[in-house]
N, C-alpha and C. Protein backbone atom coordinates (compact mmCIF):
# COMPACT_ATOMS: atom_id res chain seq x y z
N MET A 1 171.86 166.70 37.65
CA MET A 1 170.93 165.73 38.20
C MET A 1 170.58 164.73 37.10
N LYS A 2 170.69 163.46 37.42
CA LYS A 2 170.35 162.40 36.48
C LYS A 2 169.00 161.80 36.89
N ILE A 3 168.16 161.49 35.90
CA ILE A 3 166.86 160.85 36.16
C ILE A 3 166.85 159.51 35.46
N ARG A 4 166.58 158.45 36.24
CA ARG A 4 166.49 157.10 35.71
C ARG A 4 165.06 156.60 35.86
N ASN A 5 164.61 155.82 34.90
CA ASN A 5 163.22 155.35 34.86
C ASN A 5 163.15 153.85 35.13
N PHE A 6 162.42 153.49 36.20
CA PHE A 6 162.23 152.09 36.54
C PHE A 6 160.75 151.69 36.48
N THR A 7 160.04 152.26 35.50
CA THR A 7 158.69 151.81 35.16
C THR A 7 158.82 150.93 33.91
N PRO A 8 157.77 150.16 33.54
CA PRO A 8 157.93 149.24 32.41
C PRO A 8 157.88 149.89 31.03
N HIS A 9 157.82 151.20 30.95
CA HIS A 9 157.71 151.89 29.66
C HIS A 9 158.41 153.24 29.73
N ALA A 10 158.70 153.80 28.59
CA ALA A 10 159.29 155.15 28.56
C ALA A 10 158.31 156.13 29.21
N VAL A 11 158.83 157.08 29.94
CA VAL A 11 158.00 158.14 30.51
C VAL A 11 158.23 159.38 29.66
N ARG A 12 157.13 159.86 29.08
CA ARG A 12 157.18 161.03 28.20
C ARG A 12 156.52 162.20 28.91
N ILE A 13 157.26 163.30 29.04
CA ILE A 13 156.72 164.52 29.65
C ILE A 13 156.28 165.44 28.52
N ILE A 14 155.01 165.82 28.55
CA ILE A 14 154.40 166.62 27.49
C ILE A 14 154.15 168.03 28.00
N GLY A 15 154.57 169.03 27.23
CA GLY A 15 154.38 170.43 27.60
C GLY A 15 152.96 170.92 27.38
N GLU A 16 152.70 172.14 27.81
CA GLU A 16 151.36 172.74 27.71
C GLU A 16 150.84 172.80 26.27
N GLU A 17 151.73 173.01 25.32
CA GLU A 17 151.32 173.09 23.91
C GLU A 17 151.28 171.73 23.22
N GLY A 18 151.47 170.67 24.00
CA GLY A 18 151.45 169.33 23.44
C GLY A 18 152.81 168.88 22.91
N ASN A 19 153.84 169.69 23.15
CA ASN A 19 155.17 169.34 22.67
C ASN A 19 155.85 168.37 23.64
N LEU A 20 156.68 167.52 23.10
CA LEU A 20 157.43 166.57 23.91
C LEU A 20 158.59 167.31 24.56
N ILE A 21 158.63 167.32 25.89
CA ILE A 21 159.74 167.93 26.62
C ILE A 21 160.89 166.94 26.70
N VAL A 22 160.59 165.71 27.11
CA VAL A 22 161.61 164.68 27.21
C VAL A 22 160.94 163.31 27.26
N ALA A 23 161.64 162.31 26.72
CA ALA A 23 161.22 160.91 26.85
C ALA A 23 162.34 160.19 27.58
N ILE A 24 162.00 159.58 28.71
CA ILE A 24 163.00 158.91 29.54
C ILE A 24 162.77 157.40 29.41
N PRO A 25 163.68 156.70 28.73
CA PRO A 25 163.47 155.27 28.50
C PRO A 25 163.53 154.46 29.79
N SER A 26 162.85 153.32 29.77
CA SER A 26 162.87 152.41 30.91
C SER A 26 164.23 151.73 30.99
N GLU A 27 164.73 151.59 32.22
CA GLU A 27 165.98 150.86 32.46
C GLU A 27 165.71 149.53 33.16
N GLY A 28 164.46 149.17 33.30
CA GLY A 28 164.07 147.97 34.03
C GLY A 28 162.84 148.30 34.85
N VAL A 29 162.37 147.34 35.60
CA VAL A 29 161.15 147.54 36.37
C VAL A 29 161.42 147.30 37.85
N ALA A 30 161.16 148.31 38.66
CA ALA A 30 161.19 148.15 40.11
C ALA A 30 159.75 147.92 40.55
N ARG A 31 159.57 147.03 41.50
CA ARG A 31 158.22 146.75 41.95
C ARG A 31 158.23 146.38 43.43
N ALA A 32 157.05 146.26 43.99
CA ALA A 32 156.90 145.86 45.38
C ALA A 32 156.29 144.46 45.42
N GLU A 33 156.77 143.65 46.36
CA GLU A 33 156.12 142.36 46.57
C GLU A 33 154.68 142.61 46.97
N GLN A 34 153.79 141.74 46.53
CA GLN A 34 152.37 141.91 46.81
C GLN A 34 151.81 140.63 47.42
N LYS A 35 151.08 140.79 48.52
CA LYS A 35 150.44 139.66 49.16
C LYS A 35 148.94 139.95 49.23
N ASP A 36 148.15 139.08 48.64
CA ASP A 36 146.69 139.22 48.66
C ASP A 36 146.10 138.21 49.64
N THR A 37 145.29 138.68 50.58
CA THR A 37 144.62 137.83 51.54
C THR A 37 143.13 137.81 51.19
N PRO A 38 142.56 136.63 50.92
CA PRO A 38 141.15 136.57 50.56
C PRO A 38 140.25 137.19 51.64
N GLN A 39 139.25 137.88 51.21
CA GLN A 39 138.25 138.49 52.06
C GLN A 39 136.88 137.93 51.65
N ARG A 40 135.85 138.53 52.15
CA ARG A 40 134.52 138.03 51.81
C ARG A 40 134.21 138.31 50.34
N SER A 41 133.31 137.53 49.77
CA SER A 41 132.87 137.74 48.40
C SER A 41 131.67 138.66 48.39
N LEU A 42 131.52 139.37 47.30
CA LEU A 42 130.37 140.26 47.11
C LEU A 42 129.42 139.61 46.12
N ARG A 43 128.13 139.74 46.36
CA ARG A 43 127.15 139.17 45.44
C ARG A 43 126.84 140.18 44.35
N ALA A 44 127.01 139.73 43.10
CA ALA A 44 126.71 140.57 41.95
C ALA A 44 125.21 140.59 41.70
N ILE A 45 124.74 141.54 40.92
CA ILE A 45 123.32 141.66 40.60
C ILE A 45 122.80 140.38 39.98
N ASN A 46 123.62 139.71 39.15
CA ASN A 46 123.16 138.48 38.48
C ASN A 46 123.29 137.24 39.37
N GLY A 47 123.67 137.45 40.65
CA GLY A 47 123.77 136.33 41.59
C GLY A 47 125.15 135.72 41.71
N GLY A 48 126.04 136.07 40.81
CA GLY A 48 127.41 135.54 40.88
C GLY A 48 128.17 136.16 42.05
N LEU A 49 129.27 135.54 42.41
CA LEU A 49 130.09 136.04 43.51
C LEU A 49 131.35 136.71 42.97
N ILE A 50 131.67 137.87 43.53
CA ILE A 50 132.87 138.61 43.16
C ILE A 50 133.86 138.48 44.31
N PRO A 51 134.97 137.79 44.08
CA PRO A 51 135.95 137.65 45.17
C PRO A 51 136.62 138.99 45.46
N THR A 52 136.95 139.23 46.72
CA THR A 52 137.72 140.41 47.10
C THR A 52 138.92 139.96 47.92
N VAL A 53 139.96 140.78 47.91
CA VAL A 53 141.17 140.50 48.67
C VAL A 53 141.62 141.77 49.37
N ARG A 54 142.42 141.61 50.40
CA ARG A 54 143.12 142.73 51.03
C ARG A 54 144.56 142.62 50.55
N THR A 55 145.06 143.69 49.91
CA THR A 55 146.40 143.69 49.34
C THR A 55 147.36 144.42 50.25
N GLU A 56 148.50 143.78 50.52
CA GLU A 56 149.58 144.41 51.28
C GLU A 56 150.82 144.37 50.40
N PHE A 57 151.56 145.48 50.37
CA PHE A 57 152.79 145.55 49.61
C PHE A 57 153.96 145.47 50.58
N GLY A 58 154.98 144.74 50.18
CA GLY A 58 156.10 144.52 51.08
C GLY A 58 157.43 144.88 50.47
N GLY A 59 158.33 143.89 50.38
CA GLY A 59 159.69 144.11 49.93
C GLY A 59 159.79 144.77 48.58
N LEU A 60 160.90 145.47 48.38
CA LEU A 60 161.14 146.18 47.13
C LEU A 60 162.03 145.33 46.23
N ILE A 61 161.63 145.21 44.97
CA ILE A 61 162.35 144.38 44.02
C ILE A 61 162.84 145.27 42.87
N GLY A 62 164.13 145.24 42.61
CA GLY A 62 164.69 145.96 41.47
C GLY A 62 164.86 147.45 41.66
N LEU A 63 164.72 147.94 42.90
CA LEU A 63 164.88 149.37 43.16
C LEU A 63 166.32 149.64 43.61
N PRO A 64 167.05 150.44 42.85
CA PRO A 64 168.43 150.75 43.25
C PRO A 64 168.47 151.50 44.57
N ASP A 65 169.58 151.38 45.26
CA ASP A 65 169.81 152.16 46.47
C ASP A 65 169.93 153.63 46.10
N PRO A 66 169.60 154.52 47.04
CA PRO A 66 169.77 155.95 46.77
C PRO A 66 171.22 156.26 46.38
N GLU A 67 171.35 157.19 45.42
CA GLU A 67 172.68 157.59 44.94
C GLU A 67 172.67 159.11 44.78
N GLU A 68 173.69 159.75 45.26
CA GLU A 68 173.79 161.20 45.20
C GLU A 68 173.64 161.69 43.75
N GLY A 69 172.73 162.65 43.54
CA GLY A 69 172.55 163.25 42.22
C GLY A 69 171.71 162.44 41.26
N VAL A 70 171.05 161.37 41.75
CA VAL A 70 170.24 160.51 40.87
C VAL A 70 168.81 160.42 41.41
N LEU A 71 167.84 160.71 40.55
CA LEU A 71 166.43 160.55 40.88
C LEU A 71 165.89 159.35 40.11
N LEU A 72 164.94 158.64 40.71
CA LEU A 72 164.37 157.44 40.10
C LEU A 72 162.87 157.63 39.87
N ILE A 73 162.41 157.34 38.65
CA ILE A 73 160.97 157.34 38.37
C ILE A 73 160.47 155.92 38.62
N VAL A 74 159.44 155.81 39.46
CA VAL A 74 158.85 154.52 39.82
C VAL A 74 157.33 154.69 39.87
N SER A 75 156.62 153.62 40.14
CA SER A 75 155.17 153.71 40.31
C SER A 75 154.82 154.29 41.68
N ASN A 76 153.64 154.85 41.78
CA ASN A 76 153.17 155.37 43.06
C ASN A 76 153.05 154.24 44.08
N ILE A 77 152.65 153.05 43.64
CA ILE A 77 152.56 151.90 44.55
C ILE A 77 153.93 151.59 45.13
N LEU A 78 154.97 151.65 44.32
CA LEU A 78 156.31 151.37 44.83
C LEU A 78 156.73 152.44 45.84
N VAL A 79 156.36 153.69 45.60
CA VAL A 79 156.67 154.76 46.56
C VAL A 79 156.03 154.43 47.91
N GLN A 80 154.76 154.03 47.90
CA GLN A 80 154.06 153.71 49.15
C GLN A 80 154.70 152.52 49.85
N ALA A 81 155.12 151.51 49.07
CA ALA A 81 155.78 150.35 49.66
C ALA A 81 157.13 150.75 50.25
N ALA A 82 157.86 151.63 49.57
CA ALA A 82 159.15 152.10 50.09
C ALA A 82 158.97 152.81 51.43
N LYS A 83 157.94 153.64 51.52
CA LYS A 83 157.65 154.31 52.79
C LYS A 83 157.34 153.29 53.88
N ALA A 84 156.57 152.27 53.51
CA ALA A 84 156.13 151.26 54.49
C ALA A 84 157.31 150.47 55.06
N VAL A 85 158.36 150.26 54.25
CA VAL A 85 159.50 149.48 54.74
C VAL A 85 160.62 150.39 55.27
N GLY A 86 160.38 151.70 55.29
CA GLY A 86 161.34 152.62 55.88
C GLY A 86 162.46 153.09 54.96
N ARG A 87 162.34 152.85 53.65
CA ARG A 87 163.36 153.35 52.72
C ARG A 87 163.11 154.84 52.48
N SER A 88 164.15 155.61 52.40
CA SER A 88 164.01 157.03 52.06
C SER A 88 163.35 157.15 50.69
N THR A 89 162.48 158.13 50.55
CA THR A 89 161.83 158.37 49.25
C THR A 89 162.27 159.71 48.66
N ASP A 90 163.31 160.30 49.21
CA ASP A 90 163.78 161.60 48.73
C ASP A 90 164.23 161.56 47.28
N ASP A 91 164.60 160.39 46.76
CA ASP A 91 165.08 160.27 45.39
C ASP A 91 164.02 159.69 44.45
N LEU A 92 162.78 159.52 44.93
CA LEU A 92 161.75 158.87 44.12
C LEU A 92 160.75 159.87 43.56
N LEU A 93 160.43 159.70 42.29
CA LEU A 93 159.41 160.48 41.59
C LEU A 93 158.44 159.49 40.95
N PHE A 94 157.21 159.94 40.69
CA PHE A 94 156.27 159.09 39.97
C PHE A 94 155.45 159.95 39.01
N PRO A 95 154.97 159.36 37.89
CA PRO A 95 154.16 160.13 36.94
C PRO A 95 152.92 160.67 37.64
N SER A 96 152.60 161.93 37.34
CA SER A 96 151.51 162.59 38.05
C SER A 96 150.50 163.20 37.10
N GLY A 97 149.32 163.38 37.62
CA GLY A 97 148.26 164.06 36.87
C GLY A 97 147.55 163.14 35.91
N VAL A 98 146.62 163.72 35.21
CA VAL A 98 145.85 162.99 34.21
C VAL A 98 146.76 162.70 33.02
N PRO A 99 146.84 161.45 32.58
CA PRO A 99 147.70 161.14 31.43
C PRO A 99 147.24 161.88 30.18
N MET A 100 148.19 162.28 29.35
CA MET A 100 147.89 162.90 28.06
C MET A 100 147.59 161.79 27.07
N ARG A 101 146.54 161.96 26.27
CA ARG A 101 146.14 160.94 25.30
C ARG A 101 146.11 161.51 23.89
N ASP A 102 146.32 160.62 22.90
CA ASP A 102 146.20 161.05 21.51
C ASP A 102 144.75 160.92 21.07
N ALA A 103 144.48 161.21 19.81
CA ALA A 103 143.11 161.19 19.29
C ALA A 103 142.47 159.81 19.40
N ALA A 104 143.27 158.76 19.40
CA ALA A 104 142.75 157.39 19.51
C ALA A 104 142.58 156.95 20.96
N GLY A 105 142.93 157.83 21.90
CA GLY A 105 142.77 157.50 23.31
C GLY A 105 143.97 156.83 23.95
N GLN A 106 145.05 156.66 23.19
CA GLN A 106 146.25 156.04 23.72
C GLN A 106 147.03 157.04 24.58
N ILE A 107 147.57 156.57 25.69
CA ILE A 107 148.37 157.44 26.55
C ILE A 107 149.68 157.76 25.83
N ILE A 108 149.98 159.06 25.74
CA ILE A 108 151.22 159.48 25.08
C ILE A 108 152.20 160.12 26.05
N GLY A 109 151.75 160.42 27.26
CA GLY A 109 152.65 161.02 28.23
C GLY A 109 151.92 161.63 29.39
N VAL A 110 152.69 162.34 30.23
CA VAL A 110 152.15 163.02 31.40
C VAL A 110 152.67 164.46 31.42
N ARG A 111 152.03 165.30 32.17
CA ARG A 111 152.45 166.70 32.26
C ARG A 111 153.58 166.92 33.27
N ALA A 112 153.66 166.03 34.29
CA ALA A 112 154.61 166.28 35.36
C ALA A 112 155.01 165.00 36.06
N LEU A 113 156.06 165.09 36.85
CA LEU A 113 156.46 164.05 37.78
C LEU A 113 156.20 164.58 39.18
N ALA A 114 155.80 163.70 40.09
CA ALA A 114 155.49 164.10 41.46
C ALA A 114 156.57 163.58 42.40
N TRP A 115 156.89 164.40 43.39
CA TRP A 115 157.81 163.96 44.46
C TRP A 115 157.05 163.02 45.40
N ALA A 116 157.75 162.06 45.92
CA ALA A 116 157.15 161.10 46.83
C ALA A 116 156.87 161.75 48.17
């Protein structure tokens, strides 16, 4: 089984003891088209207005077609967009769980990948 990464950064899987299990480099970025429709504004405590939008995700950009024996790491948003347009998600995984951080608070990896 081959795993390819289509997030904008390497995906690092960290074991229970903090050891690096694997780092999967990015091969490019797959994303979903996004359409924002303006909604009503919210009034902030200081009187200013906070704009809000309704976001809809549509077409898939940069996502390879399913291939036998190949799994793709993508964002959870892309998984939801794939479902919405009727693409099979059997080959899609996304980073799952609380990100692992170093002492400075920087994300260093995740514990697992989730099936779509």
